[in-house]
Amino acid sequence: MPVHPRLRDIDLRALARLVSDVPEDVPATAGLAPSQLVALKDHLRCDVLALAEFDSVEQGCSFVQAIPGLLPMPAMLVGAPLFGFDPVNWAHYWDCDCCSYPDRTGDVRSVVTIGDFYSDREWRAMGTLCGINRPLGFAHALMLTLPSAGSDRGSGRTLRLFAFRGSGRDFIDGDRDLLTLLRPHLLQSYREAERRRHPCVSLTPRQGELMRLVAEGHTNTQIARRLGISEGTVRTHLEHVFARLGVTNRTSAALAVSAAGAVGQTPIKPKFLAAQRR
C-alpha cells in the first residue's frame, strides 16, 4: 500500500517509537497510555480518539478510553453511556455494516472507514440506529481492530481504536496508511501494557510442568509417579511455587498461574476447578 506523501519517514519513526515503548502513564486497569493516544490523535487531526474493548457476545465494553471531547482528558469509563454500552447500539449492531465488520468477516487487520460501507446520504439515514452516528455527532470515523487480551476465535472480544470527526473533511488514504503501518506497534504496545498490569509468573520448567499436573487435578502421589520423583520433592516444589506466587494452597496457585499464562503465554487451565463449578 503506498504511503501518503505527508507521512514523512521521520514522523513514522517517531510514532513507531512512541507506541513501541511503554510509558509511565499506562493505566492500572486497562488500555493504552493516554500520552500515546494524545500523540496519535494529534497526528490524525481527529476530534476524538477512543480505545474500547468490544464484546459482541455479551454486548458491552469492558472499558473505554476517550481523548478528549466527550470526556475529560485523559479519561477512562466503565459502564458509561457511550456507543459501547448503548442498548440501542447493540440492538442494531449486526445491521450496521461498519460496526460489525470485524465480527462478520473475521478481518481484524483492515483499517476501515464509514465511507467503505455507506455514502454520506446512507449514513445520515442511519439516524439513531448506530451508536457512533448522530447520538454522538460523528460524521466520519476510522476504525482499527486488534485482538484483545485473552480473546480467542469466536469469543466476540476485540479491541477497537476509533478516530472520530464530527464534521468537515473525511479521513483520507494517508490516515488509513498511518494506522496500517502502526498496527503491529500498537498491538505490541498494548500487549506490553497488559504484561505490566499482569506480570507473568516466573516458574522453572519443572515447576511449570508440576503446576500443569496440579491444574489437571492430579494428586501429589500421581504427580510423583509421572515425574519420577518422590512425594516429598513434589511437596517441596509446591512450597517454592506457593512462595513465588504469594499463595498458600494448590487451588490459589493454579488460578494464579492460569491468569498469568493468559497474557502472552500458554494458559494453564485448572480443569479440576471447572469440574467443581459444574
Protein backbone atom coordinates (compact mmCIF):
# COMPACT_ATOMS: atom_id res chain seq x y z
CA MET A 1 0.00 0.00 0.00
CA PRO A 2 1.52 3.35 -0.99
CA VAL A 3 2.20 5.76 1.85
CA HIS A 4 0.69 9.22 1.57
CA PRO A 5 3.41 11.82 0.85
CA ARG A 6 2.52 13.73 4.01
CA LEU A 7 3.58 10.72 6.11
CA ARG A 8 7.26 11.55 6.36
CA ASP A 9 9.67 8.82 7.43
CA ILE A 10 10.79 10.87 10.42
CA ASP A 11 7.19 11.19 11.64
CA LEU A 12 6.55 7.48 11.21
CA ARG A 13 9.70 6.55 13.08
CA ALA A 14 8.78 8.90 15.91
CA LEU A 15 5.27 7.43 16.19
CA ALA A 16 6.59 3.87 15.97
CA ARG A 17 8.95 4.56 18.88
CA LEU A 18 6.13 6.18 20.82
CA VAL A 19 3.77 3.22 20.59
CA SER A 20 6.53 0.60 20.88
CA ASP A 21 7.80 1.92 24.20
CA VAL A 22 5.69 1.57 27.33
CA PRO A 23 5.46 4.99 29.01
CA GLU A 24 4.96 5.57 32.70
CA ASP A 25 1.30 6.62 32.40
CA VAL A 26 -0.06 3.17 31.50
CA PRO A 27 -3.49 2.85 33.21
CA ALA A 28 -3.59 0.39 36.08
CA THR A 29 -6.80 -1.29 34.88
CA ALA A 30 -6.88 -1.43 31.06
CA GLY A 31 -5.96 0.32 27.84
CA LEU A 32 -3.02 2.26 26.43
CA ALA A 33 -1.13 5.15 27.97
CA PRO A 34 -3.05 8.43 27.49
CA SER A 35 0.18 10.06 26.25
CA GLN A 36 0.25 7.58 23.36
CA LEU A 37 -3.37 8.25 22.46
CA VAL A 38 -2.91 12.02 22.62
CA ALA A 39 0.09 11.87 20.27
CA LEU A 40 -1.78 9.64 17.83
CA LYS A 41 -4.85 11.90 17.95
CA ASP A 42 -2.69 14.90 17.09
CA HIS A 43 -1.20 13.14 14.07
CA LEU A 44 -4.61 12.04 12.81
CA ARG A 45 -6.10 15.50 13.39
CA CYS A 46 -9.32 13.99 14.71
CA ASP A 47 -11.80 15.41 17.20
CA VAL A 48 -11.85 12.34 19.42
CA LEU A 49 -9.66 9.25 19.63
CA ALA A 50 -11.23 6.34 21.52
CA LEU A 51 -9.97 2.91 22.51
CA ALA A 52 -12.51 0.30 23.62
CA GLU A 53 -12.70 -3.44 24.18
CA PHE A 54 -15.85 -4.70 22.47
CA ASP A 55 -17.64 -7.91 23.35
CA SER A 56 -20.24 -8.65 20.68
CA VAL A 57 -21.36 -11.81 22.52
CA GLU A 58 -22.02 -10.13 25.88
CA GLN A 59 -22.98 -6.90 24.06
CA GLY A 60 -20.91 -4.43 26.00
CA CYS A 61 -17.47 -2.99 26.60
CA SER A 62 -15.08 -3.76 29.43
CA PHE A 63 -13.51 -0.31 29.12
CA VAL A 64 -13.48 2.85 27.01
CA GLN A 65 -10.74 5.47 26.81
CA ALA A 66 -11.54 8.72 25.01
CA ILE A 67 -9.16 11.60 24.20
CA PRO A 68 -10.67 14.28 24.54
CA GLY A 69 -14.07 15.87 23.79
CA LEU A 70 -16.71 13.52 25.15
CA LEU A 71 -14.82 13.03 28.37
CA PRO A 72 -12.29 14.92 30.46
CA MET A 73 -8.80 14.27 29.10
CA PRO A 74 -7.43 11.74 29.76
CA ALA A 75 -10.36 9.57 30.76
CA MET A 76 -11.45 6.00 31.25
CA LEU A 77 -15.02 4.92 31.70
CA VAL A 78 -16.52 1.65 32.84
CA GLY A 79 -20.25 1.27 32.28
CA ALA A 80 -20.72 4.72 30.79
CA PRO A 81 -23.50 5.54 28.28
CA LEU A 82 -21.22 5.62 25.24
CA PHE A 83 -21.55 3.68 22.00
CA GLY A 84 -20.10 0.52 23.54
CA PHE A 85 -22.69 0.45 26.31
CA ASP A 86 -25.72 1.81 24.48
CA PRO A 87 -28.54 -0.80 24.25
CA VAL A 88 -29.77 0.85 21.04
CA ASN A 89 -26.34 0.38 19.51
CA TRP A 90 -26.29 -3.33 20.30
CA ALA A 91 -29.87 -3.81 19.14
CA HIS A 92 -28.77 -2.72 15.66
CA TYR A 93 -25.13 -3.78 15.86
CA TRP A 94 -25.34 -6.57 13.30
CA ASP A 95 -27.29 -4.37 10.90
CA CYS A 96 -24.55 -1.71 10.92
CA ASP A 97 -22.01 -2.94 8.38
CA CYS A 98 -19.11 -0.84 9.62
CA CYS A 99 -19.51 -1.55 13.36
CA SER A 100 -19.92 -5.32 12.99
CA TYR A 101 -17.37 -5.71 10.17
CA PRO A 102 -14.65 -7.47 12.24
CA ASP A 103 -17.16 -9.91 13.75
CA ARG A 104 -18.94 -10.67 10.48
CA THR A 105 -15.79 -11.18 8.40
CA GLY A 106 -13.13 -12.22 10.90
CA ASP A 107 -10.94 -9.47 9.42
CA VAL A 108 -9.14 -7.84 12.36
CA ARG A 109 -6.36 -6.34 10.24
CA SER A 110 -8.01 -3.90 7.87
CA VAL A 111 -8.46 -0.25 8.79
CA VAL A 112 -11.96 0.76 7.70
CA THR A 113 -13.95 3.96 7.45
CA ILE A 114 -17.66 4.71 7.36
CA GLY A 115 -17.22 5.58 3.69
CA ASP A 116 -16.19 1.99 2.94
CA PHE A 117 -19.76 0.93 3.68
CA TYR A 118 -22.08 3.93 3.32
CA SER A 119 -22.45 7.05 1.25
CA ASP A 120 -22.98 10.31 3.18
CA ARG A 121 -26.69 10.11 2.44
CA GLU A 122 -26.95 6.49 3.59
CA TRP A 123 -25.03 7.28 6.77
CA ARG A 124 -27.30 10.20 7.62
CA ALA A 125 -30.29 7.92 7.02
CA MET A 126 -28.97 5.51 9.69
CA GLY A 127 -30.07 8.06 12.27
CA THR A 128 -30.01 6.76 15.82
CA LEU A 129 -29.63 3.13 14.76
CA CYS A 130 -25.86 3.30 15.19
CA GLY A 131 -24.11 4.34 18.37
CA ILE A 132 -21.42 6.34 16.56
CA ASN A 133 -23.87 8.21 14.35
CA ARG A 134 -25.93 11.22 15.32
CA PRO A 135 -26.25 10.31 19.04
CA LEU A 136 -22.56 11.18 19.36
CA GLY A 137 -22.46 13.58 16.42
CA PHE A 138 -19.77 11.84 14.38
CA ALA A 139 -19.93 12.19 10.62
CA HIS A 140 -16.63 10.42 9.94
CA ALA A 141 -14.86 7.54 11.65
CA LEU A 142 -11.74 5.46 11.13
CA MET A 143 -11.61 2.06 12.88
CA LEU A 144 -8.63 -0.18 13.61
CA THR A 145 -9.28 -3.59 15.16
CA LEU A 146 -6.84 -5.57 17.31
CA PRO A 147 -7.19 -8.86 19.17
CA SER A 148 -7.84 -8.14 22.85
CA ALA A 149 -6.01 -9.76 25.73
CA GLY A 150 -7.45 -13.19 26.44
CA SER A 151 -9.55 -13.22 23.27
CA ASP A 152 -9.84 -16.32 21.14
CA ARG A 153 -11.67 -17.31 17.99
CA GLY A 154 -15.40 -16.90 18.40
CA SER A 155 -15.13 -15.12 21.75
CA GLY A 156 -16.55 -11.88 20.34
CA ARG A 157 -13.90 -9.79 22.10
CA THR A 158 -11.90 -7.29 20.07
CA LEU A 159 -10.01 -4.12 20.78
CA ARG A 160 -11.18 -1.17 18.68
CA LEU A 161 -9.35 2.09 18.07
CA PHE A 162 -11.64 4.80 16.69
CA ALA A 163 -10.71 8.17 15.25
CA PHE A 164 -13.78 10.41 15.05
CA ARG A 165 -14.54 13.66 13.25
CA GLY A 166 -17.78 15.45 13.90
CA SER A 167 -17.88 17.36 10.62
CA GLY A 168 -15.67 18.72 7.86
CA ARG A 169 -13.44 16.61 5.66
CA ASP A 170 -13.41 12.86 5.76
CA PHE A 171 -10.35 10.76 6.56
CA ILE A 172 -8.01 10.20 3.61
CA ASP A 173 -5.92 7.25 2.47
CA GLY A 174 -2.91 8.69 4.28
CA ASP A 175 -4.75 8.42 7.59
CA ARG A 176 -5.59 4.80 6.87
CA ASP A 177 -1.98 4.17 5.83
CA LEU A 178 -0.74 5.62 9.10
CA LEU A 179 -2.82 3.25 11.25
CA THR A 180 -1.99 0.31 8.98
CA LEU A 181 1.73 0.94 9.42
CA LEU A 182 1.40 1.48 13.15
CA ARG A 183 -0.84 -1.54 13.73
CA PRO A 184 1.89 -4.01 14.79
CA HIS A 185 3.46 -1.39 17.05
CA LEU A 186 0.11 -0.59 18.68
CA LEU A 187 -0.54 -4.29 19.24
CA GLN A 188 2.91 -4.72 20.78
CA SER A 189 2.38 -1.67 23.00
CA TYR A 190 -0.99 -2.99 24.19
CA ARG A 191 0.48 -6.40 25.00
CA GLU A 192 3.38 -4.80 26.87
CA ALA A 193 0.91 -2.72 28.87
CA GLU A 194 -1.04 -5.89 29.70
CA ARG A 195 2.15 -7.63 30.80
CA ARG A 196 2.94 -4.67 33.06
CA ARG A 197 -0.54 -4.83 34.57
CA HIS A 198 -0.44 -8.63 34.89
CA PRO A 199 3.18 -9.74 35.37
CA CYS A 200 3.84 -13.25 34.13
CA VAL A 201 4.60 -15.84 36.75
CA SER A 202 8.26 -16.84 36.70
CA LEU A 203 8.45 -20.59 37.24
CA THR A 204 11.18 -23.08 36.39
CA PRO A 205 10.36 -25.64 33.65
CA ARG A 206 9.93 -28.36 36.29
CA GLN A 207 7.66 -26.14 38.40
CA GLY A 208 5.62 -25.29 35.32
CA GLU A 209 5.26 -28.98 34.46
CA LEU A 210 4.23 -29.75 38.02
CA MET A 211 1.66 -26.95 38.05
CA ARG A 212 0.12 -28.24 34.83
CA LEU A 213 -0.46 -31.57 36.53
CA VAL A 214 -1.89 -29.80 39.59
CA ALA A 215 -4.23 -27.84 37.34
CA GLU A 216 -5.42 -31.08 35.75
CA GLY A 217 -6.41 -32.38 39.19
CA HIS A 218 -3.62 -34.90 39.88
CA THR A 219 -2.70 -35.74 43.46
CA ASN A 220 0.84 -35.45 44.84
CA THR A 221 1.22 -39.22 44.56
CA GLN A 222 0.15 -39.21 40.89
CA ILE A 223 2.42 -36.27 40.13
CA ALA A 224 5.38 -38.00 41.79
CA ARG A 225 4.84 -41.12 39.67
CA ARG A 226 4.50 -39.12 36.43
CA LEU A 227 7.62 -37.06 37.07
CA GLY A 228 9.69 -39.87 38.60
CA ILE A 229 10.29 -38.03 41.86
CA SER A 230 9.31 -38.56 45.48
CA GLU A 231 6.19 -37.12 47.07
CA GLY A 232 8.46 -35.15 49.38
CA THR A 233 10.06 -33.49 46.35
CA VAL A 234 6.62 -32.68 44.96
CA ARG A 235 5.71 -31.01 48.27
CA THR A 236 8.98 -29.05 48.22
CA HIS A 237 8.31 -27.85 44.65
CA LEU A 238 4.80 -26.79 45.66
CA GLU A 239 6.11 -24.87 48.66
CA HIS A 240 8.51 -22.97 46.38
CA VAL A 241 5.71 -22.25 43.88
CA PHE A 242 3.40 -21.02 46.66
CA ALA A 243 6.16 -18.68 47.87
CA ARG A 244 6.73 -17.26 44.39
CA LEU A 245 3.04 -16.71 43.81
CA GLY A 246 2.25 -15.45 47.29
CA VAL A 247 -0.45 -18.09 47.85
CA THR A 248 -1.00 -20.83 50.42
CA ASN A 249 -2.81 -23.66 48.60
CA ARG A 250 -3.00 -25.60 45.34
CA THR A 251 -6.25 -24.02 44.18
CA SER A 252 -4.98 -20.46 44.51
CA ALA A 253 -1.69 -21.42 42.84
CA ALA A 254 -3.47 -22.99 39.85
CA LEU A 255 -5.66 -19.92 39.43
CA ALA A 256 -2.69 -17.55 39.67
CA VAL A 257 -0.68 -19.47 37.07
CA SER A 258 -3.73 -19.68 34.80
CA ALA A 259 -4.33 -15.92 34.96
CA ALA A 260 -0.70 -15.09 34.30
CA GLY A 261 -0.46 -17.59 31.47
CA ALA A 262 -3.37 -15.93 29.66
CA VAL A 263 -1.17 -12.88 28.98
CA GLY A 264 1.35 -13.67 26.27
CA GLN A 265 1.87 -17.32 27.30
CA THR A 266 0.06 -20.63 27.06
CA PRO A 267 -2.66 -20.65 29.71
CA ILE A 268 -2.72 -23.37 32.34
CA LYS A 269 -6.41 -24.03 32.75
CA PRO A 270 -7.38 -25.61 36.08
CA LYS A 271 -9.69 -28.36 34.85
CA PHE A 272 -10.43 -29.61 38.34
CA LEU A 273 -11.78 -26.16 39.28
CA ALA A 274 -14.07 -26.13 36.27
CA ALA A 275 -15.35 -29.56 37.27
CA GLN A 276 -16.03 -28.35 40.79
CA ARG A 277 -18.10 -25.43 39.47
CA ARG A 278 -20.36 -27.61 37.32
